[in-house]
Protein backbone atom coordinates (compact mmCIF):
# COMPACT_ATOMS: atom_id res chain seq x y z
CA MET A 1 152.71 140.16 119.76
CA ALA A 2 154.52 136.88 119.41
CA LEU A 3 156.32 135.58 116.37
CA SER A 4 157.01 131.88 116.02
CA LEU A 5 159.62 130.67 113.58
CA VAL A 6 160.23 127.26 112.05
CA LEU A 7 162.92 126.24 109.58
CA PHE A 8 163.35 122.65 108.51
CA PRO A 9 164.61 120.72 105.48
CA PHE A 10 162.25 118.63 103.40
CA ILE A 11 163.50 115.95 101.03
CA PHE A 12 161.99 116.92 97.72
CA LEU A 13 162.29 113.47 96.16
CA LEU A 14 159.85 112.03 98.71
CA ILE A 15 157.02 114.41 97.87
CA PRO A 16 155.71 112.72 94.69
CA THR A 17 155.44 109.41 96.62
CA PHE A 18 153.42 111.14 99.34
CA LEU A 19 151.13 112.80 96.85
CA SER A 20 150.51 109.63 94.87
CA SER A 21 149.31 107.95 98.06
CA VAL A 22 147.05 110.85 98.94
CA PHE A 23 145.58 111.64 95.55
CA ALA A 24 143.99 108.97 93.41
CA ILE A 25 144.21 111.13 90.31
CA SER A 26 145.22 111.22 86.68
CA PRO A 27 146.72 114.52 85.52
CA LEU A 28 145.51 115.63 82.10
CA LYS A 29 149.05 116.80 81.28
CA THR A 30 147.61 120.15 80.28
CA ASP A 31 147.08 123.47 82.01
CA THR A 32 143.99 124.50 80.03
CA LEU A 33 140.31 123.60 79.93
CA LYS A 34 138.34 124.43 76.77
CA PRO A 35 134.62 124.40 75.90
CA GLY A 36 133.46 120.84 75.29
CA GLN A 37 136.01 119.37 77.72
CA GLN A 38 135.48 118.15 81.28
CA LEU A 39 137.81 117.87 84.25
CA ARG A 40 136.50 114.86 86.19
CA ASP A 41 136.95 114.13 89.87
CA TRP A 42 140.06 112.00 89.44
CA GLU A 43 141.78 114.35 86.96
CA GLN A 44 143.89 117.47 87.40
CA LEU A 45 145.09 120.45 85.45
CA ILE A 46 148.81 121.04 85.97
CA SER A 47 150.34 124.48 85.39
CA ALA A 48 152.90 124.72 82.58
CA GLY A 49 155.91 124.63 84.91
CA GLY A 50 154.43 121.93 87.14
CA ILE A 51 154.07 124.33 90.07
CA PHE A 52 150.34 124.14 90.82
CA ALA A 53 147.56 121.62 90.34
CA LEU A 54 143.80 122.16 90.06
CA GLY A 55 141.35 119.39 90.86
CA PHE A 56 138.92 118.02 93.41
CA PHE A 57 139.80 117.34 97.04
CA THR A 58 138.41 116.53 100.47
CA PRO A 59 140.09 118.14 103.52
CA LYS A 60 141.30 115.43 105.89
CA GLU A 61 140.05 115.62 109.47
CA SER A 62 143.48 114.82 110.86
CA SER A 63 145.40 117.53 109.00
CA THR A 64 144.67 120.20 106.44
CA SER A 65 147.93 119.35 104.70
CA GLU A 66 146.46 116.02 103.57
CA LEU A 67 143.78 115.84 100.95
CA GLY A 68 141.63 112.73 100.90
CA SER A 69 139.32 111.14 98.35
CA ALA A 70 136.28 110.43 100.52
CA GLY A 71 133.70 112.82 101.93
CA PRO A 72 132.52 116.23 100.65
CA ARG A 73 134.44 117.26 97.51
CA TYR A 74 135.68 120.72 96.60
CA LEU A 75 137.39 122.22 93.57
CA GLY A 76 140.75 123.57 94.64
CA ILE A 77 144.27 124.67 93.71
CA TRP A 78 147.35 123.46 95.58
CA PRO A 79 151.11 123.21 95.03
CA GLN A 80 151.64 120.20 92.82
CA ARG A 81 154.75 118.75 94.49
CA ILE A 82 154.48 120.09 98.04
CA PRO A 83 151.85 118.77 100.48
CA ILE A 84 150.40 121.95 101.99
CA ASN A 85 146.92 123.44 102.28
CA PRO A 86 144.91 124.25 99.16
CA VAL A 87 145.51 127.90 98.28
CA TRP A 88 142.12 128.45 96.64
CA VAL A 89 138.66 126.82 96.69
CA GLY A 90 136.19 127.27 93.85
CA ASN A 91 133.04 126.10 95.64
CA PRO A 92 133.62 126.84 99.35
CA ILE A 93 129.94 127.20 100.26
CA GLU A 94 128.43 124.28 98.35
CA SER A 95 130.30 120.97 98.37
CA ILE A 96 129.88 117.98 96.06
CA SER A 97 128.57 114.94 97.93
CA ASP A 98 130.46 112.31 95.94
CA SER A 99 133.01 111.77 93.16
CA SER A 100 130.57 112.53 90.32
CA GLY A 101 131.68 116.17 90.04
CA ALA A 102 133.15 117.47 86.77
CA LEU A 103 134.37 120.97 85.90
CA SER A 104 133.59 122.49 82.49
CA ILE A 105 133.64 125.89 80.79
CA ASP A 106 130.96 127.03 78.35
CA THR A 107 131.34 129.30 75.33
CA ASN A 108 130.44 132.35 77.47
CA GLY A 109 133.35 131.77 79.85
CA VAL A 110 131.24 130.38 82.69
CA LEU A 111 132.89 127.70 84.83
CA LYS A 112 130.49 125.20 86.33
CA ILE A 113 130.67 121.96 88.28
CA THR A 114 128.12 119.36 87.21
CA GLN A 115 127.22 116.42 89.45
CA GLU A 116 124.79 113.52 89.55
CA ASN A 117 121.33 114.11 91.03
CA ALA A 118 122.02 117.74 91.89
CA PHE A 119 122.01 121.19 90.31
CA PRO A 120 125.26 122.49 88.76
CA ILE A 121 127.46 124.69 90.92
CA LEU A 122 128.63 127.92 89.29
CA VAL A 123 132.25 128.79 90.01
CA ASN A 124 131.92 132.21 88.36
CA GLN A 125 129.18 134.31 86.84
CA ARG A 126 128.96 135.14 83.17
CA PRO A 127 131.74 137.67 82.48
CA ALA A 128 130.40 141.22 82.26
CA ARG A 129 132.58 141.99 79.24
CA GLN A 130 131.03 141.19 75.87
CA LEU A 131 132.96 138.52 74.03
CA SER A 132 134.40 139.76 70.77
CA LEU A 133 134.93 136.22 69.50
CA SER A 134 131.99 134.06 70.56
CA GLY A 135 133.03 130.66 71.89
CA ASN A 136 136.77 131.27 71.72
CA VAL A 137 137.51 131.09 75.43
CA SER A 138 139.60 128.91 77.71
CA ALA A 139 140.49 128.52 81.40
CA THR A 140 144.20 128.17 82.19
CA LEU A 141 146.02 127.39 85.42
CA LEU A 142 149.16 129.54 85.63
CA ASP A 143 152.41 128.86 87.49
CA SER A 144 151.47 131.74 89.80
CA GLY A 145 148.50 129.70 91.07
CA ASN A 146 146.02 131.95 89.25
CA PHE A 147 143.19 130.25 87.33
CA VAL A 148 142.34 132.54 84.42
CA VAL A 149 139.41 132.62 82.00
CA ARG A 150 140.24 134.58 78.85
CA GLU A 151 139.44 135.08 75.22
CA ILE A 152 141.49 133.27 72.62
CA ARG A 153 142.30 135.25 69.48
CA PRO A 154 142.93 133.81 66.02
CA GLY A 155 145.99 131.61 65.97
CA GLY A 156 145.52 130.63 69.61
CA VAL A 157 146.89 133.91 70.96
CA PRO A 158 145.62 134.64 74.51
CA GLY A 159 143.36 137.70 74.65
CA ARG A 160 141.51 139.60 77.36
CA VAL A 161 141.17 138.21 80.86
CA LEU A 162 137.45 137.73 81.57
CA TRP A 163 137.72 136.29 85.08
CA GLN A 164 140.51 135.10 87.39
CA SER A 165 140.70 133.31 90.73
CA PHE A 166 143.13 135.93 92.07
CA ASP A 167 140.17 138.34 92.23
CA HIS A 168 138.33 135.87 94.47
CA PRO A 169 140.77 134.71 97.17
CA THR A 170 139.76 132.29 99.89
CA ASN A 171 142.09 131.78 102.89
CA THR A 172 145.50 132.26 101.22
CA LEU A 173 147.38 135.23 99.77
CA LEU A 174 149.87 134.42 96.99
CA PRO A 175 152.51 136.61 95.34
CA GLY A 176 150.86 138.80 92.72
CA MET A 177 147.40 138.51 94.28
CA LYS A 178 145.86 141.87 95.20
CA ILE A 179 143.70 142.59 98.24
CA GLY A 180 142.03 145.94 98.64
CA PHE A 181 139.10 147.84 97.17
CA ASN A 182 137.63 147.66 93.69
CA LEU A 183 136.90 151.30 92.89
CA ARG A 184 134.43 150.42 90.13
CA THR A 185 132.27 147.89 91.96
CA LYS A 186 132.90 149.33 95.47
CA LYS A 187 133.60 145.79 96.66
CA GLU A 188 136.40 144.73 98.97
CA ILE A 189 138.77 141.93 98.00
CA SER A 190 140.12 140.17 101.07
CA VAL A 191 141.38 136.83 102.37
CA THR A 192 138.88 134.97 104.59
CA SER A 193 139.50 132.11 106.99
CA TRP A 194 137.68 128.80 106.74
CA ILE A 195 135.05 128.06 109.36
CA SER A 196 137.02 124.93 110.34
CA ASP A 197 139.95 122.91 109.04
CA GLN A 198 137.51 120.56 107.29
CA VAL A 199 134.93 123.09 106.05
CA PRO A 200 136.01 125.92 103.69
CA VAL A 201 132.85 127.97 104.25
CA PRO A 202 133.97 131.56 105.06
CA GLY A 203 134.73 131.83 108.76
CA ALA A 204 135.17 134.51 111.40
CA PHE A 205 138.38 136.20 110.25
CA ARG A 206 139.19 138.41 107.29
CA LEU A 207 142.56 139.84 106.18
CA GLY A 208 142.47 143.04 104.15
CA LEU A 209 143.81 146.50 103.46
CA ASP A 210 143.33 149.23 106.06
CA PRO A 211 140.48 151.40 104.68
CA SER A 212 141.93 154.51 106.38
CA GLY A 213 144.69 154.64 103.78
CA ALA A 214 147.54 153.62 106.10
CA ASN A 215 150.06 151.20 104.60
CA GLN A 216 149.09 148.35 106.84
CA LEU A 217 146.99 145.21 106.84
CA LEU A 218 144.17 144.44 109.25
CA VAL A 219 142.51 141.25 110.41
CA TRP A 220 138.83 141.60 111.33
CA ARG A 221 136.91 139.18 113.51
CA ARG A 222 133.22 139.27 112.69
CA GLY A 223 133.57 142.89 111.59
CA GLU A 224 135.72 144.14 114.49
CA ILE A 225 139.44 144.89 114.13
CA TYR A 226 141.31 141.98 115.71
CA TRP A 227 144.92 142.59 114.62
CA SER A 228 146.98 145.10 112.67
CA SER A 229 150.31 144.54 110.97
CA GLY A 230 151.61 148.01 111.77
CA ILE A 231 153.10 150.08 108.96
CA LEU A 232 154.50 147.52 106.54
CA THR A 233 157.75 148.03 104.63
CA ASN A 234 159.89 145.59 102.65
CA ASN A 235 161.57 144.72 105.95
CA GLY A 236 158.28 143.72 107.54
CA SER A 237 156.56 145.54 110.40
CA SER A 238 156.34 145.63 114.16
CA HIS A 239 153.80 142.80 114.22
CA LEU A 240 154.93 140.86 111.15
CA THR A 241 158.72 140.94 111.23
CA LEU A 242 159.41 138.06 108.80
CA GLU A 243 162.72 137.92 110.61
CA LEU A 244 163.88 134.48 109.51
CA SER A 245 162.78 134.41 105.88
CA ARG A 246 164.47 137.77 105.17
CA HIS A 247 167.81 136.02 105.64
CA TYR A 248 167.07 133.97 102.52
CA ILE A 249 164.74 135.99 100.30
CA ASP A 250 163.83 139.62 99.60
CA TYR A 251 160.20 140.70 99.79
CA GLU A 252 158.69 143.53 97.83
CA PHE A 253 155.50 144.90 99.39
CA LYS A 254 153.38 147.18 97.25
CA PHE A 255 150.64 149.59 98.35
CA ASP A 256 149.27 151.23 95.23
CA SER A 257 146.17 152.40 93.41
CA ASN A 258 144.96 152.96 89.88
CA LYS A 259 141.64 153.95 88.34
CA TYR A 260 140.29 150.46 89.01
CA MET A 261 141.65 149.44 92.40
CA LYS A 262 143.41 150.43 95.62
CA TYR A 263 145.40 147.45 96.77
CA PHE A 264 148.23 145.63 98.55
CA SER A 265 150.28 142.89 96.94
CA TYR A 266 153.63 141.30 97.52
CA SER A 267 156.26 139.56 95.45
CA ILE A 268 159.53 137.71 95.97
CA LYS A 269 162.54 139.34 94.39
CA GLU A 270 165.00 137.21 92.45
CA ALA A 271 166.45 134.49 94.69
CA ASN A 272 169.12 131.83 94.29
CA ASN A 273 166.51 129.08 94.66
CA SER A 274 162.99 128.61 93.41
CA VAL A 275 160.62 130.02 96.06
CA LEU A 276 157.00 129.04 96.67
CA SER A 277 155.46 131.60 99.01
CA SER A 278 152.05 131.93 100.67
CA TRP A 279 150.28 133.78 103.48
CA PHE A 280 147.70 131.57 105.17
CA LEU A 281 144.90 132.92 107.43
CA ASP A 282 143.83 130.11 109.75
CA THR A 283 140.57 129.51 111.62
CA LEU A 284 141.85 131.33 114.74
CA GLY A 285 142.92 134.51 112.94
CA GLN A 286 146.63 133.68 112.83
CA ILE A 287 148.66 134.51 109.71
CA THR A 288 151.29 131.94 108.77
CA VAL A 289 153.82 133.02 106.15
CA THR A 290 155.37 129.98 104.47
CA ASN A 291 158.26 130.03 102.02
CA VAL A 292 159.56 126.83 100.44
CA LEU A 293 163.02 127.25 98.91
CA SER A 294 163.63 124.45 96.42
CA SER A 295 166.77 123.20 94.74
CA ASN A 296 167.26 120.13 92.57
CA LYS A 297 167.25 117.61 95.40
CA SER A 298 165.72 119.17 98.49
CA SER A 299 163.59 121.96 99.87
CA ASN A 300 163.87 124.16 102.95
CA TRP A 301 160.66 125.27 104.60
CA ILE A 302 160.54 128.60 106.43
CA SER A 303 157.37 129.18 108.42
CA GLU A 304 156.66 132.34 110.45
CA SER A 305 153.44 132.98 112.31
CA SER A 306 152.10 136.21 113.72
CA GLU A 307 149.75 135.40 116.58
CA PRO A 308 147.36 138.18 117.69
CA CYS A 309 146.98 136.55 121.11
CA LYS A 310 149.18 135.97 124.12
CA THR A 311 151.33 132.86 123.87
CA ASP A 312 152.70 132.87 127.43
CA LEU A 313 149.94 130.53 128.55
CA LYS A 314 150.66 127.95 131.24
CA ASN A 315 149.41 125.27 128.88
CA SER A 316 151.00 125.56 125.43
CA SER A 317 148.14 123.58 123.87
CA ALA A 318 145.50 126.00 125.13
CA ILE A 319 143.37 127.65 122.48
CA CYS A 320 145.02 130.93 121.49
CA ILE A 321 142.41 133.60 120.73
CA LYS A 322 142.52 137.20 121.92
CA GLU A 323 139.36 138.18 123.79
CA LYS A 324 138.36 141.44 125.46
CA PRO A 325 138.21 141.46 129.28
CA THR A 326 134.70 141.18 130.74
CA ALA A 327 133.21 141.54 134.21
CA CYS A 328 134.23 137.96 134.99
CA ARG A 329 137.21 137.37 132.67
CA LYS A 330 140.36 139.40 133.25
CA GLY A 331 142.24 138.12 130.21
CA SER A 332 144.57 135.67 131.94
CA GLU A 333 142.07 132.82 131.80
CA TYR A 334 142.19 130.33 128.98
CA PHE A 335 140.39 127.27 127.63
CA GLU A 336 142.50 124.16 127.24
CA PRO A 337 141.67 121.11 125.11
CA ARG A 338 140.95 117.97 127.11
CA ARG A 339 139.92 114.43 126.23
CA GLY A 340 136.91 113.31 128.22
CA TYR A 341 133.40 114.52 128.92
CA MET A 342 131.34 116.86 131.07
CA MET A 343 128.74 115.59 133.55
CA ASP A 344 126.47 116.96 136.27
CA ASN A 345 127.53 117.49 139.86
CA ASN A 346 125.26 114.77 141.31
CA ASN A 347 122.42 117.19 141.91
CA GLY A 348 120.21 116.00 139.07
CA TYR A 349 120.74 119.18 137.05
CA TYR A 350 122.75 118.98 133.82
CA PRO A 351 123.64 122.58 132.95
CA PHE A 352 124.37 122.68 129.23
CA TYR A 353 122.91 124.28 126.15
CA TYR A 354 123.40 124.06 122.39
CA ASP A 355 123.72 126.65 119.62
CA ASP A 356 123.02 125.08 116.22
CA SER A 357 124.45 127.86 114.04
CA LEU A 358 125.99 126.48 110.85
CA SER A 359 128.12 129.62 110.55
CA ALA A 360 129.76 129.21 113.96
CA GLY A 361 133.37 128.00 114.11
CA LEU A 362 135.74 127.27 116.98
CA SER A 363 136.52 130.97 117.53
CA ASP A 364 132.79 131.78 117.71
CA CYS A 365 132.20 129.04 120.29
CA HIS A 366 135.16 130.38 122.27
CA GLY A 367 133.89 133.96 122.14
CA ASN A 368 130.36 133.04 123.21
CA CYS A 369 131.62 130.99 126.17
CA TRP A 370 134.09 133.73 127.15
CA ARG A 371 131.34 136.37 127.31
CA ASN A 372 129.03 134.17 129.39
CA CYS A 373 130.22 134.25 133.00
CA SER A 374 128.45 130.95 133.72
CA CYS A 375 130.15 129.07 130.86
CA ILE A 376 133.09 126.86 131.84
CA ALA A 377 133.47 124.54 128.82
CA PHE A 378 132.44 124.08 125.21
CA GLN A 379 132.69 121.83 122.19
CA ALA A 380 132.72 122.90 118.54
CA PHE A 381 130.84 120.85 115.93
CA PRO A 382 130.31 121.31 112.18
CA ASP A 383 126.75 122.42 112.92
CA GLY A 384 127.25 124.57 116.00
CA CYS A 385 128.52 124.72 119.57
CA GLN A 386 127.66 122.99 122.84
CA TYR A 387 128.29 124.79 126.15
CA TRP A 388 128.46 123.72 129.80
CA GLU A 389 127.80 126.03 132.70
CA LYS A 390 128.87 126.09 136.33
CA GLY A 391 127.47 123.08 138.15
CA SER A 392 128.96 120.61 135.70
CA LYS A 393 132.33 118.91 136.06
CA PHE A 394 134.89 117.44 133.70
CA VAL A 395 135.75 113.73 133.72
CA HIS A 396 139.11 112.89 132.15
CA TYR A 397 139.05 109.83 129.88
CA ASP A 398 141.94 109.19 127.48
CA SER A 399 140.05 106.57 125.46
CA PHE A 400 137.13 108.91 124.87
CA ASN A 401 136.39 109.64 121.18
CA SER A 402 139.82 110.82 120.02
CA ASN A 403 138.34 113.30 117.55
CA LEU A 404 136.09 114.97 120.11
CA ILE A 405 137.81 117.66 122.17
CA THR A 406 136.24 119.55 125.06
CA TYR A 407 137.67 123.02 125.71
CA VAL A 408 137.60 123.55 129.47
CA LEU A 409 138.34 126.69 131.48
CA ASP A 410 141.75 126.30 133.12
CA SER A 411 140.34 126.82 136.63
CA VAL A 412 138.04 123.79 136.27
CA LYS A 413 139.64 120.69 137.77
């Protein structure tokens, strides 16, 4: 198990300039949405302490740390001053096709996104709890990154929580968020990877609590155990050491249960600086733990990644996914990204085939090619995978479509 560490300073004063160029938005200067109000595409809710923002975004093709204004739109939550991935997505399965989307909350506590020429998208279902004060509800973005729907009592006093985003994580675990098992509904709460860096549809990997009762976390790949943390203590574990960040902050890991839930959560103990922490599960099943330590003028980023695959590959850019040995793959082979195209071997036969599964991501394409002894290359698309078999050859071409990568078996010249 390899652990990669990165520590670098980030000038905090530059961040607002970066964000203003990326987001064409107008903050509402409030953290709360009430019945009768709308949050439109170009507006944001900002948590009371200015830590998190909630609004609409489009993942950039070049980098998930940039959020654009064109293309499919999603409702999301992200750190307000720090340009990193969204930590939560409200409509991961159904995107909005343009900038006509608007978020609202009705008097029953239901959050919905309305859009032109399309049906509304429900962010949550009607809360199961009966409202004691009909219509007195609101949705508030907290400094923890939690988006909470709750009753409002007379005098504006916050009442019962009816729904919260922390109970519906996407690909990021935040301090205070619980993953585990709901003992009432028998449902599992887990973190799930995106299918690709541009599409937040649930992907192949899932991070959750070990159902055996051991104090460890597991990553599943399409239902099979892919990685385990090992027994986790406040000092980390054998496979998630958190070696660098523990020099600056103290973690508190909690495995607990009550009559409602059996769960894992973590928190950051009191530190000298303000700390923004997150655990991100990427599209290849890797967990990246990021901690941003902020002072008045600058921020230090500490990033630690636990990779469930071998990283001693001859080509450091090769795709890093752990696969089981097969009759034709011993485990030392790898697929490396190349710019160019595949073609036939001058025999008139073009050995390729296509799988048009909308639920297939890069790791699925990799796994399918790995298990097929005839497969020597593949490409991953938003709507499936294309594979090439023996009998085809790769032609290197640097000027070939820069966004189109062919993953070629290392033995193919």
